[in-house]
Protein backbone atom coordinates (compact mmCIF):
# COMPACT_ATOMS: atom_id res chain seq x y z
CA UNK A 1 3.21 -25.87 -16.26
CA UNK A 2 5.93 -24.03 -14.41
CA UNK A 3 4.98 -21.79 -11.57
CA UNK A 4 5.38 -18.18 -12.82
CA UNK A 5 6.75 -17.13 -9.56
CA UNK A 6 10.03 -18.93 -10.34
CA UNK A 7 10.64 -16.84 -13.44
CA UNK A 8 12.10 -13.86 -11.72
CA UNK A 9 10.94 -10.51 -13.27
CA UNK A 10 7.78 -11.01 -15.43
CA UNK A 11 7.07 -8.00 -17.54
CA UNK A 12 3.58 -7.12 -18.47
CA UNK A 13 3.19 -6.45 -22.29
CA UNK A 14 1.51 -3.17 -21.48
CA UNK A 15 1.80 -1.24 -18.24
CA UNK A 16 -1.05 0.99 -17.08
CA UNK A 17 -0.73 4.64 -16.24
CA UNK A 18 -0.52 3.69 -12.53
CA UNK A 19 2.32 1.44 -13.31
CA UNK A 20 4.20 4.09 -15.17
CA UNK A 21 3.69 6.55 -12.36
CA UNK A 22 5.17 4.14 -9.80
CA UNK A 23 8.06 3.15 -12.05
CA UNK A 24 9.16 6.77 -12.36
CA UNK A 25 9.11 7.37 -8.67
CA UNK A 26 12.83 6.80 -7.84
CA UNK A 27 12.59 8.81 -4.65
CA UNK A 28 9.94 6.81 -2.80
CA UNK A 29 12.52 5.23 -0.59
CA UNK A 30 13.58 8.64 0.76
CA UNK A 31 10.02 9.53 1.80
CA UNK A 32 8.63 6.27 3.18
CA UNK A 33 8.08 7.35 6.78
CA UNK A 34 4.45 6.23 6.75
CA UNK A 35 5.26 2.94 5.22
CA UNK A 36 7.81 2.20 7.92
CA UNK A 37 5.32 3.14 10.59
CA UNK A 38 2.53 1.11 9.25
CA UNK A 39 4.65 -1.97 8.55
CA UNK A 40 5.63 -2.08 12.28
CA UNK A 41 2.06 -1.47 13.35
CA UNK A 42 0.67 -4.25 11.14
CA UNK A 43 3.14 -6.81 12.45
CA UNK A 44 2.47 -5.76 16.01
CA UNK A 45 -1.39 -6.06 15.51
CA UNK A 46 -0.91 -9.43 13.93
CA UNK A 47 1.13 -10.65 16.95
CA UNK A 48 -1.65 -9.53 19.31
CA UNK A 49 -4.05 -11.91 17.57
CA UNK A 50 -1.36 -14.58 17.45
CA UNK A 51 -0.67 -14.41 13.79
CA UNK A 52 2.66 -14.00 11.97
CA UNK A 53 3.85 -14.28 8.30
CA UNK A 54 4.97 -17.76 7.67
CA UNK A 55 5.88 -20.29 4.88
CA UNK A 56 5.60 -19.12 1.28
CA UNK A 57 4.68 -15.41 1.55
CA UNK A 58 3.25 -13.12 -1.08
CA UNK A 59 3.81 -9.37 -0.62
CA UNK A 60 1.21 -7.57 -2.74
CA UNK A 61 2.22 -4.18 -4.06
CA UNK A 62 5.63 -4.59 -2.65
CA UNK A 63 6.92 -1.34 -3.86
CA UNK A 64 10.47 -0.93 -2.66
CA UNK A 65 10.20 -4.02 -0.49
CA UNK A 66 9.80 -5.13 3.04
CA UNK A 67 12.34 -7.23 4.98
CA UNK A 68 10.89 -10.46 6.42
CA UNK A 69 12.73 -12.65 8.98
CA UNK A 70 13.83 -15.88 7.29
CA UNK A 71 12.12 -17.90 10.01
CA UNK A 72 9.20 -18.83 9.87
CA UNK A 73 9.09 -17.25 6.31
CA UNK A 74 10.65 -19.75 3.97
CA UNK A 75 10.22 -17.90 0.63
CA UNK A 76 9.17 -14.44 -0.36
CA UNK A 77 7.27 -13.64 -3.55
CA UNK A 78 6.78 -9.92 -4.28
CA UNK A 79 4.31 -8.41 -6.72
CA UNK A 80 3.98 -4.89 -8.05
CA UNK A 81 2.28 -3.52 -11.19
CA UNK A 82 5.25 -1.25 -11.84
CA UNK A 83 8.22 -2.92 -13.55
CA UNK A 84 10.50 -0.14 -12.27
CA UNK A 85 9.53 -1.00 -8.73
CA UNK A 86 10.16 -4.63 -9.33
CA UNK A 87 13.58 -3.98 -10.73
CA UNK A 88 14.50 -1.76 -7.79
CA UNK A 89 13.22 -4.28 -5.25
CA UNK A 90 15.22 -7.08 -6.91
CA UNK A 91 18.28 -5.12 -6.42
CA UNK A 92 17.68 -4.70 -2.74
CA UNK A 93 16.32 -8.19 -2.08
CA UNK A 94 17.96 -10.51 -4.62
CA UNK A 95 16.59 -13.65 -2.89
CA UNK A 96 13.03 -12.47 -3.41
CA UNK A 97 10.94 -13.60 -6.47
CA UNK A 98 9.66 -10.40 -8.12
CA UNK A 99 6.55 -10.48 -10.23
CA UNK A 100 5.40 -7.58 -12.28
CA UNK A 101 1.64 -8.18 -12.48
CA UNK A 102 -1.86 -6.91 -11.49
CA UNK A 103 -3.31 -8.01 -8.09
CA UNK A 104 -6.66 -8.48 -9.73
CA UNK A 105 -5.20 -11.26 -11.91
CA UNK A 106 -2.50 -13.08 -9.95
CA UNK A 107 -0.26 -15.22 -12.02
CA UNK A 108 -0.08 -17.95 -9.27
CA UNK A 109 -1.55 -21.39 -8.74
CA UNK A 110 -4.62 -21.86 -6.51
CA UNK A 111 -3.77 -22.46 -2.81
CA UNK A 112 -0.02 -22.03 -3.58
CA UNK A 113 0.59 -19.38 -0.98
CA UNK A 114 0.85 -19.75 2.89
CA UNK A 115 0.69 -16.00 3.88
CA UNK A 116 -0.30 -12.77 2.31
CA UNK A 117 1.01 -9.38 3.23
CA UNK A 118 0.28 -5.92 1.83
CA UNK A 119 1.40 -2.54 3.17
CA UNK A 120 -0.23 0.60 1.74
CA UNK A 121 -0.95 -0.80 -1.78
CA UNK A 122 -4.38 -2.48 -2.00
CA UNK A 123 -6.19 0.83 -1.84
CA UNK A 124 -5.21 1.35 -5.52
CA UNK A 125 -6.75 -1.92 -6.62
CA UNK A 126 -9.87 -1.52 -8.74
CA UNK A 127 -12.16 -3.26 -8.24
CA UNK A 128 -10.94 -4.25 -4.73
CA UNK A 129 -13.37 -7.18 -4.39
CA UNK A 130 -11.80 -8.74 -7.42
CA UNK A 131 -8.29 -8.40 -5.87
CA UNK A 132 -9.62 -9.93 -2.60
CA UNK A 133 -11.20 -12.78 -4.50
CA UNK A 134 -7.80 -13.45 -6.17
CA UNK A 135 -6.19 -13.38 -2.81
CA UNK A 136 -8.68 -15.98 -1.49
CA UNK A 137 -7.88 -18.18 -4.56
CA UNK A 138 -4.09 -18.26 -4.13
CA UNK A 139 -4.05 -18.44 -0.36
CA UNK A 140 -4.25 -21.90 1.13
CA UNK A 141 -7.09 -22.69 3.51
CA UNK A 142 -6.13 -21.69 7.01
CA UNK A 143 -3.59 -19.12 5.78
CA UNK A 144 -3.60 -15.51 6.82
CA UNK A 145 -3.66 -12.10 5.19
CA UNK A 146 -2.03 -9.13 6.92
CA UNK A 147 -3.09 -5.88 5.33
CA UNK A 148 -2.71 -2.11 5.84
CA UNK A 149 -4.69 0.21 3.46
CA UNK A 150 -5.17 3.90 3.22
CA UNK A 151 -8.86 4.76 3.58
CA UNK A 152 -11.09 7.82 3.64
CA UNK A 153 -10.37 10.61 5.99
CA UNK A 154 -6.65 10.87 4.87
CA UNK A 155 -4.89 14.03 3.99
CA UNK A 156 -7.39 16.57 5.46
CA UNK A 157 -4.72 19.24 5.90
CA UNK A 158 -4.04 19.28 2.15
CA UNK A 159 -7.70 19.78 1.36
CA UNK A 160 -7.83 22.68 3.80
CA UNK A 161 -4.91 24.15 1.88
CA UNK A 162 -6.85 23.99 -1.39
CA UNK A 163 -5.17 20.91 -2.84
CA UNK A 164 -7.18 18.32 -4.76
CA UNK A 165 -6.00 14.89 -3.38
CA UNK A 166 -6.80 11.33 -3.98
CA UNK A 167 -10.01 10.15 -2.45
CA UNK A 168 -9.92 6.74 -0.87
CA UNK A 169 -12.64 4.18 -0.09
CA UNK A 170 -14.29 4.00 3.21
CA UNK A 171 -13.02 1.59 5.81
CA UNK A 172 -16.34 -0.26 5.77
CA UNK A 173 -16.30 -0.65 2.02
CA UNK A 174 -12.85 -2.15 2.18
CA UNK A 175 -13.90 -4.55 4.93
CA UNK A 176 -16.99 -5.55 2.94
CA UNK A 177 -14.87 -6.79 0.08
CA UNK A 178 -14.00 -9.80 2.13
CA UNK A 179 -16.63 -12.41 1.51
CA UNK A 180 -17.53 -14.02 4.96
CA UNK A 181 -17.86 -17.43 3.27
CA UNK A 182 -14.19 -17.20 2.25
CA UNK A 183 -12.67 -15.07 5.06
CA UNK A 184 -12.82 -14.89 8.81
CA UNK A 185 -11.75 -11.34 9.85
CA UNK A 186 -9.64 -11.49 13.04
CA UNK A 187 -8.80 -7.82 13.40
CA UNK A 188 -10.21 -4.77 11.61
CA UNK A 189 -9.58 -1.28 12.88
CA UNK A 190 -9.02 2.14 11.21
CA UNK A 191 -6.52 4.27 12.91
CA UNK A 192 -5.38 7.87 12.23
CA UNK A 193 -1.62 8.42 12.05
CA UNK A 194 -0.25 12.02 12.15
CA UNK A 195 3.18 12.70 10.54
CA UNK A 196 5.05 15.99 10.93
CA UNK A 197 7.28 17.75 8.43
CA UNK A 198 9.69 20.66 8.51
CA UNK A 199 8.09 22.44 5.58
CA UNK A 200 5.41 22.21 2.88
CA UNK A 201 7.79 20.88 0.28
CA UNK A 202 8.89 17.88 2.33
CA UNK A 203 5.17 17.25 3.28
CA UNK A 204 4.19 17.16 -0.37
CA UNK A 205 7.07 14.87 -1.34
CA UNK A 206 6.07 12.44 1.39
CA UNK A 207 2.66 11.62 -0.11
CA UNK A 208 4.37 10.11 -3.19
CA UNK A 209 5.65 7.39 -0.97
CA UNK A 210 2.16 5.93 -1.12
CA UNK A 211 1.47 6.84 -4.67
CA UNK A 212 -0.79 9.73 -3.83
CA UNK A 213 -0.58 13.17 -5.44
CA UNK A 214 -1.91 16.72 -4.72
CA UNK A 215 -2.66 19.36 -7.21
CA UNK A 216 -3.54 22.91 -6.24
CA UNK A 217 -6.98 24.00 -7.37
CA UNK A 218 -8.63 27.31 -6.53
CA UNK A 219 -11.02 29.82 -8.16
CA UNK A 220 -12.51 27.34 -10.54
CA UNK A 221 -9.28 25.55 -11.57
CA UNK A 222 -6.40 27.98 -11.31
CA UNK A 223 -2.98 26.54 -10.62
CA UNK A 224 -0.12 27.86 -8.59
CA UNK A 225 1.34 30.18 -11.15
CA UNK A 226 4.85 30.88 -9.81
CA UNK A 227 7.16 31.77 -6.92
CA UNK A 228 4.73 34.22 -5.44
CA UNK A 229 1.80 31.79 -5.32
CA UNK A 230 4.08 29.15 -3.89
CA UNK A 231 5.27 31.42 -1.15
CA UNK A 232 1.72 32.46 -0.27
CA UNK A 233 0.76 28.71 -0.02
CA UNK A 234 3.64 28.12 2.24
CA UNK A 235 2.61 31.01 4.54
CA UNK A 236 -0.88 29.54 4.64
CA UNK A 237 0.50 26.15 5.55
CA UNK A 238 2.42 27.75 8.43
CA UNK A 239 -0.91 28.43 10.14
CA UNK A 240 -1.31 24.63 10.63
CA UNK A 241 2.17 24.24 12.29
CA UNK A 242 2.36 22.60 15.71
CA UNK A 243 5.44 22.26 17.91
CA UNK A 244 6.21 18.99 16.17
CA UNK A 245 6.06 20.58 12.65
CA UNK A 246 3.49 20.70 9.83
CA UNK A 247 0.97 17.93 10.32
CA UNK A 248 -0.36 15.46 7.72
CA UNK A 249 -2.80 12.79 8.74
CA UNK A 250 -3.62 9.45 7.24
CA UNK A 251 -6.49 7.14 8.04
CA UNK A 252 -5.19 3.58 7.90
CA UNK A 253 -7.34 0.37 7.98
CA UNK A 254 -5.48 -2.55 9.53
CA UNK A 255 -7.10 -5.82 8.58
CA UNK A 256 -6.05 -9.33 9.50
CA UNK A 257 -8.05 -12.15 7.99
CA UNK A 258 -7.92 -16.03 7.91
CA UNK A 259 -8.78 -17.97 4.77
CA UNK A 260 -11.64 -20.31 5.79
CA UNK A 261 -11.21 -24.03 5.25
CA UNK A 262 -12.88 -25.30 2.11
CA UNK A 263 -16.40 -26.61 2.78
CA UNK A 264 -16.75 -30.29 2.47
């Protein structure tokens, strides 16, 4: 049976609502400040524990894609649930193999991957333990997973402004998804990153870069009804402004784990 990773773009017969949402997000590349920050931070933390992406690498939830050095990475497979993201990634990284699939059901052979990488994507996987189990299946014994995930405590400024935002799992629940009989966690730390924006509009656009959304809810469900309401909300946001701009905080879990050797 041929390895599905060699088939280029593999379309799912029926994309979920999440997939459609990501496929429509043509402007993510313009607002990926957080993704660039966490990608650099993840690689730095991996280096501190003497780990680096190597060999045949799988980038889970690749989105618009991450550039990897050709050495020691020999081949890059990217996976995203959104066909639109896969097509866009393939345009930017033509040498990558792009798979449109679900992280909870990886279309890859057991122990066929040397390294796993995921930057701000796994927080959307439900159930996360199933995705982690699939990661353990396809990763070779001794291989490493380098992961950055959005966790609880993110976007508090938007909640203060009355927006209903995505709620993320706790860092402890995410770490608990890694079965200690399969994984040895080498680094696990939740860190708050604060970004700053010129205005409320650019701040709200930025959260779409991680697939999040915010809807204003007040007085039992009323929406922003027009220009006046929007201007009032902008004025309210200005009360949060610092010298650096309007702040927005994310809580990011950095987790680096080694796939344990198979028991004899």
